N, C-alpha and C. Protein backbone atom coordinates (compact mmCIF):
# COMPACT_ATOMS: atom_id res chain seq x y z
N MET A 1 0.81 -1.18 0.00
CA MET A 1 0.00 0.00 0.00
C MET A 1 0.86 1.25 0.00
N ALA A 2 0.41 2.24 -0.73
CA ALA A 2 1.15 3.49 -0.80
C ALA A 2 0.93 4.29 0.49
N PRO A 3 1.99 4.99 0.97
CA PRO A 3 1.82 5.79 2.18
C PRO A 3 0.83 6.93 1.94
N THR A 4 -0.01 7.12 2.91
CA THR A 4 -0.99 8.20 2.77
C THR A 4 -0.36 9.53 3.14
N ALA A 5 -0.66 10.51 2.34
CA ALA A 5 -0.11 11.85 2.60
C ALA A 5 -0.94 12.49 3.71
N GLU A 6 -0.24 13.10 4.64
CA GLU A 6 -0.93 13.78 5.72
C GLU A 6 -1.55 15.06 5.20
N ILE A 7 -2.79 15.23 5.48
CA ILE A 7 -3.49 16.44 5.07
C ILE A 7 -3.55 17.36 6.28
N SER A 8 -2.90 18.49 6.15
CA SER A 8 -2.92 19.43 7.27
C SER A 8 -4.02 20.46 7.04
N THR A 9 -4.95 20.45 7.94
CA THR A 9 -6.02 21.44 7.85
C THR A 9 -5.77 22.49 8.92
N LYS A 10 -5.85 23.71 8.50
CA LYS A 10 -5.66 24.80 9.44
C LYS A 10 -7.00 25.17 10.04
N ARG A 11 -7.00 25.31 11.33
CA ARG A 11 -8.21 25.74 12.02
C ARG A 11 -8.29 27.25 11.93
N THR A 12 -9.46 27.73 11.67
CA THR A 12 -9.68 29.17 11.60
C THR A 12 -10.74 29.55 12.62
N ILE A 13 -10.71 30.81 13.01
CA ILE A 13 -11.70 31.32 13.95
C ILE A 13 -12.33 32.58 13.38
N ARG A 14 -13.57 32.77 13.72
CA ARG A 14 -14.29 33.96 13.28
C ARG A 14 -14.18 35.04 14.34
N ARG A 15 -14.75 36.19 14.05
CA ARG A 15 -14.61 37.37 14.90
C ARG A 15 -15.09 37.12 16.34
N HIS A 16 -16.24 36.50 16.52
CA HIS A 16 -16.75 36.31 17.88
C HIS A 16 -15.86 35.36 18.68
N GLN A 17 -15.25 34.38 18.03
CA GLN A 17 -14.31 33.49 18.72
C GLN A 17 -13.02 34.23 19.06
N LEU A 18 -12.59 35.12 18.16
CA LEU A 18 -11.39 35.91 18.42
C LEU A 18 -11.61 36.83 19.62
N ARG A 19 -12.79 37.43 19.71
CA ARG A 19 -13.09 38.32 20.84
C ARG A 19 -13.05 37.57 22.17
N GLU A 20 -13.43 36.29 22.17
CA GLU A 20 -13.36 35.50 23.40
C GLU A 20 -11.92 35.23 23.81
N MET A 21 -11.03 35.11 22.83
CA MET A 21 -9.62 34.82 23.11
C MET A 21 -8.82 36.08 23.40
N VAL A 22 -9.10 37.14 22.66
CA VAL A 22 -8.32 38.38 22.74
C VAL A 22 -9.28 39.51 23.13
N PRO A 23 -9.22 39.98 24.35
CA PRO A 23 -10.17 41.01 24.79
C PRO A 23 -9.75 42.42 24.36
N LEU A 24 -9.64 42.63 23.07
CA LEU A 24 -9.32 43.94 22.52
C LEU A 24 -10.46 44.39 21.62
N ALA A 25 -10.61 45.68 21.45
CA ALA A 25 -11.65 46.21 20.57
C ALA A 25 -11.31 45.89 19.12
N ASP A 26 -12.35 45.83 18.29
CA ASP A 26 -12.15 45.56 16.87
C ASP A 26 -11.22 46.58 16.23
N SER A 27 -11.38 47.85 16.61
CA SER A 27 -10.53 48.89 16.02
C SER A 27 -9.08 48.72 16.43
N THR A 28 -8.83 48.29 17.67
CA THR A 28 -7.45 48.06 18.13
C THR A 28 -6.83 46.90 17.37
N ILE A 29 -7.59 45.83 17.19
CA ILE A 29 -7.08 44.68 16.45
C ILE A 29 -6.78 45.08 15.00
N TYR A 30 -7.67 45.85 14.39
CA TYR A 30 -7.47 46.29 13.01
C TYR A 30 -6.20 47.14 12.89
N GLU A 31 -6.01 48.09 13.81
CA GLU A 31 -4.82 48.94 13.77
C GLU A 31 -3.55 48.12 13.98
N MET A 32 -3.61 47.14 14.89
CA MET A 32 -2.45 46.30 15.12
C MET A 32 -2.15 45.44 13.89
N GLU A 33 -3.17 44.99 13.19
CA GLU A 33 -2.96 44.23 11.95
C GLU A 33 -2.27 45.10 10.90
N MET A 34 -2.70 46.34 10.78
CA MET A 34 -2.12 47.24 9.78
C MET A 34 -0.66 47.55 10.10
N ARG A 35 -0.30 47.57 11.40
CA ARG A 35 1.08 47.82 11.80
C ARG A 35 1.93 46.55 11.78
N GLY A 36 1.30 45.39 11.54
CA GLY A 36 2.03 44.14 11.54
C GLY A 36 2.27 43.57 12.92
N GLU A 37 1.49 44.00 13.92
CA GLU A 37 1.67 43.54 15.29
C GLU A 37 0.68 42.45 15.69
N PHE A 38 -0.20 42.07 14.79
CA PHE A 38 -1.22 41.07 15.07
C PHE A 38 -1.41 40.23 13.81
N PRO A 39 -1.74 38.93 13.95
CA PRO A 39 -1.95 38.10 12.74
C PRO A 39 -3.02 38.69 11.83
N ARG A 40 -2.77 38.64 10.54
CA ARG A 40 -3.70 39.21 9.55
C ARG A 40 -4.90 38.30 9.34
N ARG A 41 -6.04 38.91 9.15
CA ARG A 41 -7.25 38.17 8.79
C ARG A 41 -7.22 37.86 7.31
N PHE A 42 -8.02 36.92 6.89
CA PHE A 42 -8.16 36.66 5.46
C PHE A 42 -9.62 36.33 5.19
N ALA A 43 -10.03 36.57 3.96
CA ALA A 43 -11.44 36.43 3.59
C ALA A 43 -11.72 35.03 3.05
N LEU A 44 -12.76 34.41 3.60
CA LEU A 44 -13.25 33.15 3.05
C LEU A 44 -14.28 33.41 1.96
N SER A 45 -15.01 34.48 2.15
CA SER A 45 -16.01 34.92 1.17
C SER A 45 -16.05 36.44 1.26
N PRO A 46 -16.81 37.09 0.41
CA PRO A 46 -16.87 38.55 0.48
C PRO A 46 -17.36 39.09 1.83
N ARG A 47 -18.11 38.29 2.58
CA ARG A 47 -18.65 38.76 3.85
C ARG A 47 -18.16 38.01 5.07
N CYS A 48 -17.17 37.15 4.91
CA CYS A 48 -16.69 36.33 6.03
C CYS A 48 -15.17 36.41 6.11
N VAL A 49 -14.68 36.98 7.21
CA VAL A 49 -13.24 37.01 7.44
C VAL A 49 -12.92 36.13 8.63
N VAL A 50 -11.74 35.52 8.60
CA VAL A 50 -11.30 34.61 9.66
C VAL A 50 -9.82 34.85 9.94
N TRP A 51 -9.38 34.32 11.09
CA TRP A 51 -7.99 34.36 11.48
C TRP A 51 -7.51 32.93 11.65
N ASP A 52 -6.24 32.69 11.40
CA ASP A 52 -5.64 31.38 11.61
C ASP A 52 -5.47 31.18 13.11
N LEU A 53 -6.07 30.12 13.65
CA LEU A 53 -6.04 29.87 15.09
C LEU A 53 -4.61 29.69 15.60
N ALA A 54 -3.78 28.98 14.86
CA ALA A 54 -2.39 28.75 15.29
C ALA A 54 -1.62 30.06 15.38
N GLU A 55 -1.85 30.98 14.43
CA GLU A 55 -1.16 32.27 14.47
C GLU A 55 -1.61 33.10 15.67
N VAL A 56 -2.91 33.09 15.97
CA VAL A 56 -3.42 33.85 17.11
C VAL A 56 -2.88 33.27 18.41
N GLU A 57 -2.86 31.94 18.53
CA GLU A 57 -2.32 31.31 19.74
C GLU A 57 -0.84 31.60 19.90
N ALA A 58 -0.08 31.60 18.80
CA ALA A 58 1.34 31.94 18.86
C ALA A 58 1.53 33.39 19.29
N TRP A 59 0.67 34.28 18.80
CA TRP A 59 0.74 35.69 19.18
C TRP A 59 0.47 35.83 20.68
N LEU A 60 -0.55 35.13 21.19
CA LEU A 60 -0.85 35.19 22.62
C LEU A 60 0.32 34.67 23.45
N ALA A 61 0.93 33.58 23.01
CA ALA A 61 2.07 33.01 23.74
C ALA A 61 3.24 33.99 23.76
N SER A 62 3.47 34.68 22.65
CA SER A 62 4.57 35.65 22.61
C SER A 62 4.29 36.84 23.52
N ARG A 63 3.01 37.23 23.62
CA ARG A 63 2.66 38.34 24.51
C ARG A 63 2.82 37.94 25.96
N ARG A 64 2.57 36.68 26.28
CA ARG A 64 2.74 36.22 27.67
C ARG A 64 4.20 36.22 28.06
N SER A 65 5.07 35.85 27.13
CA SER A 65 6.49 35.71 27.47
C SER A 65 7.24 37.03 27.52
N ALA A 66 6.79 38.04 26.80
CA ALA A 66 7.48 39.33 26.78
C ALA A 66 6.56 40.41 27.37
N PRO A 67 6.91 40.92 28.55
CA PRO A 67 6.05 41.95 29.15
C PRO A 67 6.06 43.23 28.33
N ILE A 68 4.95 43.92 28.35
CA ILE A 68 4.78 45.17 27.61
C ILE A 68 5.10 46.33 28.54
N ALA A 69 5.94 47.24 28.09
CA ALA A 69 6.26 48.42 28.89
C ALA A 69 5.07 49.36 28.92
N ARG A 70 4.77 49.88 30.08
CA ARG A 70 3.65 50.80 30.21
C ARG A 70 4.00 52.14 29.58
N ALA A 71 2.99 52.79 29.06
CA ALA A 71 3.19 54.10 28.46
C ALA A 71 3.47 55.13 29.55
N GLN A 72 4.22 56.15 29.21
CA GLN A 72 4.52 57.21 30.17
C GLN A 72 3.26 58.01 30.44
N SER A 73 3.16 58.49 31.66
CA SER A 73 2.04 59.36 32.00
C SER A 73 2.26 60.71 31.34
N PRO A 74 1.21 61.33 30.84
CA PRO A 74 1.40 62.64 30.21
C PRO A 74 1.74 63.70 31.24
N ASP A 75 2.52 64.68 30.82
CA ASP A 75 2.88 65.79 31.70
C ASP A 75 1.73 66.79 31.69
N VAL A 76 0.94 66.80 32.75
CA VAL A 76 -0.26 67.63 32.79
C VAL A 76 0.06 69.12 32.88
N ARG A 77 1.30 69.46 33.21
CA ARG A 77 1.67 70.88 33.27
C ARG A 77 1.82 71.47 31.88
N GLN A 78 1.95 70.64 30.86
CA GLN A 78 2.14 71.13 29.50
C GLN A 78 0.84 71.15 28.69
N ARG A 79 -0.29 70.86 29.34
CA ARG A 79 -1.57 70.90 28.63
C ARG A 79 -1.91 72.32 28.23
N ARG A 80 -2.57 72.48 27.09
CA ARG A 80 -2.99 73.81 26.65
C ARG A 80 -4.26 74.24 27.37
N SER A 81 -5.18 73.32 27.55
CA SER A 81 -6.40 73.66 28.28
C SER A 81 -6.29 73.07 29.68
N ARG A 82 -6.59 73.86 30.66
CA ARG A 82 -6.55 73.49 32.07
C ARG A 82 -5.21 72.91 32.51
N PRO A 83 -4.10 73.63 32.30
CA PRO A 83 -2.82 73.10 32.77
C PRO A 83 -2.77 73.08 34.30
N VAL A 84 -2.05 72.14 34.85
CA VAL A 84 -1.88 72.05 36.30
C VAL A 84 -0.64 72.85 36.64
N ARG A 85 -0.81 73.82 37.51
CA ARG A 85 0.32 74.68 37.88
C ARG A 85 0.92 74.21 39.19
N GLU A 86 2.19 74.53 39.37
CA GLU A 86 2.87 74.23 40.62
C GLU A 86 2.29 75.11 41.72
N PRO A 87 2.15 74.57 42.93
CA PRO A 87 1.61 75.40 44.02
C PRO A 87 2.57 76.54 44.35
N ASP A 88 2.00 77.70 44.66
CA ASP A 88 2.78 78.88 45.03
C ASP A 88 3.33 78.68 46.44
N PRO A 89 4.66 78.81 46.65
CA PRO A 89 5.24 78.55 47.97
C PRO A 89 4.71 79.51 49.04
N VAL A 90 4.39 80.75 48.66
CA VAL A 90 3.89 81.71 49.64
C VAL A 90 2.50 81.29 50.12
N GLN A 91 1.63 80.89 49.20
CA GLN A 91 0.28 80.47 49.57
C GLN A 91 0.31 79.18 50.37
N THR A 92 1.23 78.28 50.03
CA THR A 92 1.34 77.02 50.76
C THR A 92 1.77 77.26 52.19
N ALA A 93 2.74 78.16 52.39
CA ALA A 93 3.21 78.47 53.74
C ALA A 93 2.10 79.16 54.54
N ALA A 94 1.33 80.04 53.89
CA ALA A 94 0.26 80.75 54.59
C ALA A 94 -0.85 79.80 55.00
N SER A 95 -1.16 78.84 54.17
CA SER A 95 -2.23 77.90 54.50
C SER A 95 -1.81 76.95 55.61
N LYS A 96 -0.52 76.67 55.73
CA LYS A 96 -0.03 75.80 56.80
C LYS A 96 0.00 76.54 58.13
N ALA A 97 0.19 77.87 58.10
CA ALA A 97 0.28 78.65 59.32
C ALA A 97 -1.08 78.80 60.00
N VAL A 98 -2.15 78.68 59.25
CA VAL A 98 -3.49 78.88 59.82
C VAL A 98 -3.95 77.72 60.61
């Protein structure tokens, strides 16, 4: 008998399954796809897009292994509207004396 060729079928997931695995907004996922930071979707039909399950799981595993640096807090003193000013030392001393 001839050896049978292994048929590899890729599992795909639809949007609602992806949302269960990756708790990010659709717009965030789309932006990350455009930047190359998330596995790309592909179309099965004109109205059905899916993601490769193995690629999404690999992405999740890579995110678990490498911590993400937190973004810096904005400097509120440099805001144009409602900037936070440093307290006046004279007023601070006067309020403590009372």
